[in-house]
Protein backbone atom coordinates (compact mmCIF):
# COMPACT_ATOMS: atom_id res chain seq x y z
CA MET A 1 2.28 -5.55 -15.27
CA SER A 2 3.37 -8.68 -17.16
CA GLN A 3 7.24 -9.28 -17.47
CA THR A 4 9.30 -12.32 -18.64
CA LEU A 5 11.39 -14.06 -15.89
CA THR A 6 14.52 -12.44 -16.81
CA GLU A 7 12.90 -8.97 -15.99
CA ILE A 8 11.48 -10.40 -12.89
CA ALA A 9 15.03 -11.69 -12.00
CA GLN A 10 16.66 -8.03 -12.73
CA LYS A 11 13.59 -6.47 -10.70
CA LEU A 12 14.55 -8.67 -7.66
CA ILE A 13 17.99 -7.61 -7.89
CA ALA A 14 17.20 -3.84 -8.44
CA ALA A 15 15.27 -3.79 -5.32
CA ASN A 16 18.29 -4.25 -3.19
CA LYS A 17 16.85 -5.99 -0.23
CA LYS A 18 18.26 -8.50 2.10
CA VAL A 19 15.93 -10.95 1.60
CA GLN A 20 12.76 -11.34 -0.85
CA LEU A 21 10.20 -14.15 -0.35
CA ILE A 22 8.24 -15.31 -3.16
CA TYR A 23 5.04 -17.70 -3.07
CA ALA A 24 3.97 -19.58 -6.28
CA PHE A 25 2.19 -22.56 -7.22
CA ASN A 26 4.25 -25.77 -8.43
CA GLY A 27 4.82 -25.33 -12.24
CA THR A 28 4.78 -21.55 -12.14
CA GLY A 29 8.51 -21.17 -12.93
CA LYS A 30 10.40 -20.87 -9.64
CA THR A 31 13.26 -23.11 -10.69
CA GLN A 32 13.28 -21.32 -13.95
CA LEU A 33 13.71 -17.81 -12.30
CA SER A 34 16.58 -19.39 -10.34
CA ASN A 35 18.28 -20.31 -13.56
CA GLU A 36 17.71 -16.68 -14.85
CA PHE A 37 19.55 -15.49 -11.99
CA LYS A 38 22.51 -17.81 -12.84
CA LYS A 39 22.41 -16.19 -16.48
CA ILE A 40 22.55 -12.62 -15.20
CA PHE A 41 25.58 -13.38 -13.15
CA GLY A 42 27.42 -15.26 -15.81
CA GLN A 43 26.84 -18.90 -14.59
CA ASP A 44 25.06 -21.39 -16.80
CA GLU A 45 24.70 -25.27 -16.74
CA GLU A 46 28.23 -25.89 -18.35
CA GLU A 47 30.29 -23.90 -15.80
CA ASP A 48 33.10 -25.10 -14.24
CA GLU A 49 32.05 -26.17 -10.69
CA GLY A 50 35.56 -25.86 -9.44
CA ASN A 51 35.91 -22.18 -9.51
CA LEU A 52 34.07 -21.34 -6.31
CA ASN A 53 36.01 -18.21 -5.77
CA LYS A 54 34.24 -17.00 -8.78
CA LYS A 55 30.83 -17.57 -7.62
CA GLN A 56 28.38 -14.67 -7.47
CA MET A 57 25.26 -16.78 -6.80
CA LEU A 58 24.72 -20.10 -5.08
CA TYR A 59 21.26 -21.79 -5.20
CA TYR A 60 19.34 -24.91 -3.96
CA ASN A 61 16.56 -26.09 -6.29
CA ALA A 62 15.59 -29.21 -7.90
CA PHE A 63 18.88 -29.61 -9.81
CA SER A 64 20.63 -29.64 -6.65
CA GLU A 65 19.55 -33.28 -6.00
CA ASP A 66 21.15 -34.34 -9.18
CA LEU A 67 24.69 -34.37 -7.51
CA PHE A 68 23.34 -37.19 -5.64
CA TYR A 69 22.31 -41.01 -7.22
CA TRP A 70 21.86 -44.30 -5.56
CA GLN A 71 23.85 -47.47 -6.26
CA ASN A 72 22.61 -50.64 -5.33
CA GLU A 73 25.32 -53.81 -5.25
CA ASP A 74 24.70 -56.89 -3.38
CA GLU A 75 22.29 -55.23 -0.64
CA ASN A 76 24.88 -52.32 -0.27
CA ASN A 77 22.79 -49.01 -0.92
CA ILE A 78 25.16 -46.37 -1.42
CA LEU A 79 24.25 -42.82 -2.24
CA LYS A 80 26.76 -41.61 -4.55
CA ILE A 81 28.12 -37.92 -4.97
CA HIS A 82 29.11 -36.74 -8.46
CA SER A 83 32.46 -34.84 -8.18
CA ASN A 84 31.86 -31.22 -7.05
CA GLU A 85 33.56 -28.49 -5.04
CA PHE A 86 30.59 -27.85 -2.99
CA THR A 87 30.61 -31.01 -0.83
CA ASN A 88 34.54 -31.32 -1.17
CA TRP A 89 34.87 -27.79 0.28
CA ILE A 90 32.37 -28.08 3.28
CA ILE A 91 33.33 -31.86 4.04
CA ARG A 92 36.77 -31.83 3.40
CA ASP A 93 38.00 -28.37 3.50
CA ARG A 94 35.85 -27.20 6.36
CA GLY A 95 35.07 -30.45 8.40
CA GLN A 96 31.49 -29.89 8.56
CA ASP A 97 30.21 -33.43 7.87
CA GLN A 98 29.05 -33.71 11.58
CA ASN A 99 27.08 -30.47 11.19
CA ILE A 100 25.38 -32.04 8.17
CA ILE A 101 24.67 -35.19 10.12
CA ASN A 102 23.20 -33.06 13.08
CA HIS A 103 20.68 -31.08 10.89
CA PHE A 104 19.65 -34.23 9.03
CA GLN A 105 19.04 -36.08 12.21
CA ARG A 106 17.26 -32.99 13.85
CA TYR A 107 14.62 -32.71 10.82
CA THR A 108 14.15 -36.66 10.52
CA ASN A 109 15.23 -39.21 13.15
CA ASP A 110 18.22 -39.49 15.55
CA LYS A 111 18.44 -43.20 14.83
CA LEU A 112 19.04 -42.89 11.19
CA ASN A 113 22.84 -42.11 10.84
CA PRO A 114 24.83 -41.09 7.61
CA LEU A 115 28.44 -42.07 7.07
CA PHE A 116 30.51 -40.19 4.74
CA ASN A 117 32.98 -42.60 3.36
CA GLU A 118 36.58 -41.16 2.88
CA GLN A 119 38.58 -42.22 -0.28
CA THR A 120 42.24 -40.92 -1.43
CA ARG A 121 43.44 -40.21 -4.99
CA VAL A 122 46.77 -39.06 -6.34
CA ILE A 123 46.86 -35.64 -8.16
CA ASN A 124 49.51 -33.66 -9.87
CA VAL A 125 50.11 -30.07 -7.94
CA ASP A 126 52.66 -28.12 -10.01
CA GLY A 127 54.49 -31.38 -11.01
CA ALA A 128 54.40 -32.87 -7.66
CA LEU A 129 52.12 -36.01 -6.79
CA ARG A 130 50.03 -35.51 -3.81
CA ASN A 131 47.39 -37.65 -1.80
CA GLN A 132 43.94 -35.79 -2.02
CA THR A 133 41.09 -36.91 0.31
CA PHE A 134 37.57 -36.63 -1.16
CA TYR A 135 34.16 -38.26 -0.24
CA PRO A 136 32.24 -39.76 -3.09
CA GLU A 137 29.60 -41.42 -1.41
CA VAL A 138 27.34 -41.86 1.86
CA THR A 139 25.93 -44.79 3.41
CA PHE A 140 22.94 -44.76 5.99
CA SER A 141 22.45 -46.92 8.99
CA TYR A 142 19.22 -47.27 11.30
CA LEU A 143 19.44 -48.27 15.16
CA LYS A 144 16.40 -50.01 16.45
CA GLY A 145 16.96 -50.90 20.14
CA THR A 146 20.17 -52.56 20.50
CA GLU A 147 20.27 -54.06 16.66
CA ARG A 148 21.83 -51.91 13.90
CA PHE A 149 20.64 -52.02 10.27
CA ASP A 150 23.49 -51.02 7.72
CA ASN A 151 23.53 -49.94 4.39
CA ILE A 152 20.02 -49.21 4.18
CA LYS A 153 18.11 -47.00 1.39
CA ILE A 154 16.22 -44.34 2.89
CA SER A 155 13.06 -43.05 1.67
CA LYS A 156 12.79 -40.20 -0.91
CA ALA A 157 11.61 -37.52 1.53
CA GLU A 158 14.67 -38.69 3.81
CA GLU A 159 16.88 -38.32 0.76
CA ARG A 160 15.85 -34.89 -0.04
CA CYS A 161 16.23 -33.87 3.48
CA PHE A 162 19.68 -34.98 3.53
CA ILE A 163 20.64 -33.16 0.40
CA TRP A 164 19.02 -29.91 1.95
CA SER A 165 21.02 -30.67 4.99
CA VAL A 166 24.20 -30.53 2.89
CA PHE A 167 23.26 -27.38 1.34
CA TYR A 168 22.06 -25.77 4.47
CA THR A 169 25.17 -26.55 6.27
CA LEU A 170 27.20 -25.04 2.97
CA PHE A 171 25.18 -22.03 3.67
CA VAL A 172 25.76 -21.51 7.36
CA GLU A 173 29.28 -21.96 6.83
CA ILE A 174 29.42 -19.57 4.07
CA VAL A 175 27.21 -16.79 6.10
CA GLY A 176 29.71 -17.55 8.98
CA ILE A 177 32.79 -16.87 7.09
CA LEU A 178 31.49 -13.64 5.39
CA LYS A 179 31.61 -11.20 8.19
CA TYR A 180 30.63 -7.67 7.76
CA ILE A 181 34.33 -6.94 8.34
CA GLU A 182 36.41 -8.51 5.64
CA ASP A 183 39.43 -8.43 7.49
CA ASP A 184 37.68 -10.98 10.00
CA ARG A 185 37.37 -13.73 7.48
CA ASP A 186 39.41 -16.81 7.68
CA GLU A 187 39.39 -17.41 3.96
CA GLU A 188 38.33 -15.52 0.76
CA THR A 189 36.53 -18.23 -1.35
CA PHE A 190 33.16 -16.53 -1.23
CA ASN A 191 34.37 -12.92 -1.28
CA ASP A 192 32.35 -12.44 -4.62
CA LEU A 193 29.35 -13.89 -3.66
CA LYS A 194 26.08 -11.80 -3.94
CA TYR A 195 22.93 -13.99 -3.83
CA ILE A 196 21.94 -17.19 -2.17
CA PHE A 197 18.78 -18.67 -3.98
CA ILE A 198 16.87 -21.29 -2.33
CA ASP A 199 13.84 -23.08 -4.02
CA ASP A 200 11.45 -24.96 -1.83
CA PRO A 201 13.30 -26.63 0.71
CA VAL A 202 12.13 -29.89 1.71
CA SER A 203 8.50 -29.35 1.55
CA SER A 204 7.75 -33.25 2.02
CA LEU A 205 8.70 -32.75 5.99
CA ASP A 206 5.79 -33.12 8.46
CA ASP A 207 4.57 -29.85 9.49
CA ASN A 208 6.25 -29.61 13.01
CA HIS A 209 9.73 -30.10 11.20
CA LEU A 210 8.81 -27.73 8.34
CA ILE A 211 8.15 -25.00 10.85
CA GLU A 212 11.48 -25.82 12.45
CA LEU A 213 13.17 -25.48 9.32
CA ALA A 214 11.50 -22.20 8.33
CA VAL A 215 12.70 -20.71 11.65
CA ASP A 216 16.05 -22.10 10.65
CA VAL A 217 16.21 -20.41 7.07
CA ALA A 218 15.05 -17.29 8.68
CA LYS A 219 17.66 -16.95 11.42
CA LEU A 220 20.32 -17.74 8.71
CA VAL A 221 19.13 -14.93 6.79
CA LYS A 222 18.67 -12.49 9.65
CA SER A 223 22.02 -13.34 11.21
CA CYS A 224 24.16 -12.66 8.14
CA GLU A 225 26.51 -9.98 8.81
CA SER A 226 27.58 -9.55 5.09
CA LYS A 227 26.06 -6.20 3.99
CA ASP A 228 26.63 -7.65 0.26
CA LEU A 229 25.07 -11.11 0.50
CA LYS A 230 21.29 -11.31 -0.02
CA PHE A 231 18.87 -14.00 -0.38
CA ILE A 232 15.79 -15.04 -2.58
CA ILE A 233 13.45 -17.52 -0.94
CA THR A 234 10.63 -19.18 -3.30
CA THR A 235 7.90 -21.68 -2.20
CA HIS A 236 4.85 -23.48 -3.16
CA ASN A 237 4.00 -24.40 0.36
CA PRO A 238 1.81 -22.17 2.52
CA LEU A 239 2.80 -23.16 5.80
CA PHE A 240 6.58 -22.32 5.13
CA TYR A 241 5.56 -19.28 3.49
CA ASN A 242 3.76 -18.12 6.46
CA VAL A 243 6.17 -18.98 9.04
CA ILE A 244 9.17 -17.66 7.57
CA SER A 245 7.30 -14.39 6.66
CA ASN A 246 6.19 -13.97 10.27
CA GLU A 247 9.99 -14.75 11.26
CA LEU A 248 11.27 -11.86 8.79
CA ASN A 249 8.82 -9.55 10.37
CA ASN A 250 11.01 -9.75 13.84
CA LYS A 251 14.08 -7.74 14.18
CA TYR A 252 17.52 -9.57 14.85
CA PRO A 253 19.82 -8.03 17.37
CA ASN A 254 23.59 -7.17 16.28
CA LYS A 255 26.03 -8.67 18.60
CA ASN A 256 29.19 -7.64 16.64
CA PRO A 257 30.80 -4.51 18.03
CA LYS A 258 32.52 -3.84 14.55
CA ILE A 259 29.39 -3.26 13.13
CA ILE A 260 28.56 0.30 13.52
CA ASP A 261 25.97 2.94 12.57
CA ASN A 262 26.39 6.16 11.26
CA ASN A 263 27.17 7.85 14.52
CA GLY A 264 30.04 5.48 15.09
CA SER A 265 28.28 3.51 17.53
CA GLN A 266 27.58 -0.22 17.65
CA LYS A 267 24.65 -0.78 15.23
CA GLU A 268 21.68 -2.08 17.49
CA TRP A 269 19.85 -4.16 14.87
CA LEU A 270 21.61 -6.53 12.44
CA TYR A 271 18.19 -7.15 10.55
CA LYS A 272 14.91 -5.21 10.30
CA GLU A 273 11.68 -5.82 8.74
CA ASP A 274 12.06 -3.26 6.12
CA GLN A 275 14.80 -5.41 4.71
CA SER A 276 12.39 -7.80 3.55
CA CYS A 277 9.96 -7.81 0.34
CA LYS A 278 7.26 -10.37 -0.08
CA TYR A 279 5.73 -11.54 -3.50
CA LYS A 280 3.42 -13.76 -5.37
CA LEU A 281 4.50 -15.13 -8.69
CA VAL A 282 1.73 -16.04 -11.23
CA LYS A 283 2.08 -17.24 -14.56
CA LYS A 284 -0.28 -15.87 -17.46
CA ASN A 285 -1.76 -17.77 -20.11
CA ASP A 286 0.42 -15.87 -22.61
CA GLY A 287 3.84 -17.46 -21.09
CA THR A 288 4.57 -13.87 -19.22
CA PHE A 289 4.66 -13.66 -15.29
CA ASN A 290 3.33 -11.05 -12.87
CA LEU A 291 5.23 -10.53 -9.32
CA SER A 292 2.66 -8.95 -7.15
CA PRO A 293 3.58 -7.62 -3.55
CA ILE A 294 2.13 -9.36 -0.47
CA GLY A 295 1.97 -6.89 2.44
CA ARG A 296 4.53 -7.37 5.29
CA ASN A 297 1.84 -8.11 8.08
CA THR A 298 -0.57 -9.86 5.59
CA PRO A 299 -1.37 -13.78 6.44
CA PHE A 300 -1.53 -15.72 3.31
CA SER A 301 -4.81 -17.14 2.54
CA TYR A 302 -3.81 -19.98 0.76
CA HIS A 303 -7.58 -21.35 0.11
CA LEU A 304 -8.49 -18.07 -1.34
CA SER A 305 -5.31 -17.99 -3.58
CA LEU A 306 -6.38 -21.50 -4.66
CA LEU A 307 -10.08 -20.33 -5.14
CA PHE A 308 -8.65 -17.48 -7.32
CA GLU A 309 -6.51 -19.70 -9.63
CA LEU A 310 -9.73 -22.03 -10.06
CA GLN A 311 -11.94 -19.17 -10.89
CA LYS A 312 -9.49 -17.99 -13.53
CA VAL A 313 -9.66 -22.05 -14.93
CA LYS A 314 -13.23 -21.86 -15.06
CA GLN A 315 -13.49 -18.89 -17.27
CA ILE A 316 -10.89 -20.20 -19.93
CA GLU A 317 -12.25 -24.03 -19.20
CA GLU A 318 -8.63 -25.29 -19.36
CA VAL A 319 -8.66 -27.86 -16.53
CA LYS A 320 -5.94 -30.10 -15.76
CA LYS A 321 -5.99 -33.06 -13.23
CA TYR A 322 -3.76 -30.90 -10.35
CA HIS A 323 -6.72 -28.41 -10.47
CA PHE A 324 -8.66 -31.38 -8.74
CA ASN A 325 -6.13 -31.32 -5.90
CA PHE A 326 -6.79 -27.51 -5.45
CA LEU A 327 -10.40 -28.20 -5.26
CA ARG A 328 -10.18 -31.07 -2.95
CA ASN A 329 -7.65 -28.92 -0.88
CA ILE A 330 -10.57 -26.22 -0.36
CA LEU A 331 -12.92 -28.45 0.57
CA GLU A 332 -10.69 -30.11 3.03
CA LYS A 333 -9.96 -26.84 4.79
CA THR A 334 -13.68 -25.54 4.65
CA ALA A 335 -15.10 -28.63 6.14
CA THR A 336 -12.59 -28.41 9.07
CA PHE A 337 -13.20 -24.77 9.55
CA LEU A 338 -17.18 -25.61 9.45
CA GLY A 339 -16.75 -28.59 11.86
CA HIS A 340 -17.56 -31.35 9.48
CA SER A 341 -15.64 -34.39 9.87
CA LYS A 342 -15.60 -35.39 6.16
CA TRP A 343 -15.04 -32.77 3.27
CA GLU A 344 -17.74 -34.89 1.31
CA SER A 345 -20.47 -33.28 3.30
CA LEU A 346 -19.74 -30.15 1.55
CA LEU A 347 -20.82 -31.56 -1.80
CA PRO A 348 -24.12 -30.66 -3.64
CA LEU A 349 -27.15 -32.41 -2.38
CA MET A 350 -29.18 -34.92 -4.73
CA PRO A 351 -33.04 -34.98 -4.99
CA ASP A 352 -33.18 -37.79 -2.50
CA GLY A 353 -30.91 -36.18 0.09
CA SER A 354 -27.47 -37.80 -0.68
CA ARG A 355 -24.21 -36.17 -1.56
CA ASP A 356 -23.74 -35.81 -5.23
CA PRO A 357 -21.56 -39.37 -5.82
CA PHE A 358 -20.26 -38.27 -9.27
CA ALA A 359 -18.78 -35.27 -7.95
CA ASN A 360 -17.10 -37.40 -5.17
CA ARG A 361 -16.14 -40.01 -7.57
CA ILE A 362 -14.00 -37.50 -9.85
CA LEU A 363 -12.48 -35.69 -6.93
CA ASN A 364 -11.04 -38.94 -5.52
CA LEU A 365 -9.91 -40.31 -8.99
CA SER A 366 -8.25 -37.03 -10.13
CA SER A 367 -6.72 -35.96 -6.72
CA HIS A 368 -4.71 -39.30 -6.13
CA SER A 369 -2.52 -39.77 -9.19
CA ALA A 370 -0.05 -42.63 -8.80
CA HIS A 371 2.36 -41.19 -11.08
CA ALA A 372 3.66 -37.72 -11.05
CA GLY A 373 3.13 -37.70 -15.14
CA GLU A 374 -0.66 -38.26 -14.92
CA GLU A 375 -0.77 -34.39 -13.36
CA ILE A 376 -0.41 -33.03 -17.02
CA ALA A 377 -2.75 -35.64 -18.26
CA GLU A 378 -6.08 -34.29 -20.37
CA VAL A 379 -9.41 -34.12 -18.48
CA GLN A 380 -12.22 -35.52 -20.13
CA GLU A 381 -14.99 -33.04 -21.18
CA ASN A 382 -17.87 -34.32 -18.80
CA ASP A 383 -15.23 -34.24 -16.08
CA LYS A 384 -14.55 -30.62 -16.89
CA THR A 385 -18.25 -29.73 -16.87
CA LYS A 386 -18.46 -31.34 -13.39
CA PHE A 387 -15.70 -29.43 -12.17
CA ILE A 388 -16.82 -25.99 -13.38
CA GLU A 389 -20.40 -26.88 -11.73
CA LEU A 390 -18.59 -27.49 -8.20
CA ILE A 391 -16.53 -24.34 -8.08
CA GLU A 392 -19.73 -22.42 -8.84
CA PHE A 393 -21.58 -24.36 -6.31
CA LEU A 394 -18.75 -23.50 -3.64
CA GLU A 395 -18.97 -19.68 -4.64
CA ARG A 396 -22.85 -19.58 -4.19
CA GLU A 397 -23.08 -21.86 -1.35
CA TYR A 398 -20.14 -20.47 0.87
CA LYS A 399 -20.37 -16.91 -0.68
CA PHE A 400 -16.41 -17.26 -1.63
CA SER A 401 -16.75 -15.04 -4.47
CA ASN A 402 -16.86 -11.92 -2.57
CA LEU A 403 -13.66 -13.18 -0.26
CA ILE A 404 -11.70 -13.70 -3.61
CA THR A 405 -12.41 -10.61 -4.96
CA SER A 406 -11.52 -8.62 -1.94
CA ASN A 407 -7.89 -10.77 -1.56
CA ASP A 408 -7.13 -11.46 -5.18
CA THR A 409 -4.05 -9.42 -4.64
CA VAL A 410 -2.91 -11.71 -1.64
């Protein structure tokens, strides 16, 4: 049943599950969904970020990167931090800067070292002037052998990983504070927090680090002792989805003797697999959405989902450049499975025995855009025709149609 994102957000809240995992293609509306959550809890873009104790929902998504920006002056590359209470709280109040660094180096390189630069300002507190410490910027150094390079500018992927490390450390600290028993808490800042929404954490990592990150996020969720705090996790990355999905199928033991079951005994499990739900989010042509459940033990057949999407595109003939990325991805995975060294080996044969050069050229041109903006560019009519022919060839030659039909709900 098609719904608006507001209705889907309300559905997720009504499910009352510890964690809900959602797979969706890029551009489907994952970030918009996190914004709908904010609205439901009375948080909007203009809210005062200083009221941490009033937060009912925290999130990590594409907008989280907006808190950080580069300032380059005289070969000094500085990552500036817009004034906000999140980084002040986790660094200044909780002293977690070293943990941020540890997480960042674990996901990237232990030779790459962030340095939080401390500054002091004078503030007025009830008529009295006081010095307050804050951290408005970060610099990075790199150690190569015995030589150290200071004030370097890290890559965009490393920058995203650093920002995720800040928020991941924030979430870990909050989960540590929000013990099941409120009397055990060392502060009450996040007592009203109900949801943590995590959208696509650092999908630019290599596979090994992405797996490690997925395991970390799953452990964060399962180890959370608060009965009130719940998690929404969305991703477009099939590897991340599969790893975290498998992790959420495993129980997590309770080590806190104060958490008891209905019989008054120490609760055996802090987390069980029935506390999770898994979905696929699809955007319809009319602008509405469909949130369909994925089986708890069903592996995510990414190539079949791509084919299902391309089959729909073929029917309405609304081909965009990013659809060529989907098709090339399918060809690469199929070639690997069949033992071919090149995906071009799967293209249709010409009368002289060679592979279709036009299909090869179109796939190469359209699946390696130099700029993100090209992804929404219109596709020429003859390219659309060739695209549809390729899909039909795959369906015929490799019998994908039956697989798609039997897996179109996955």
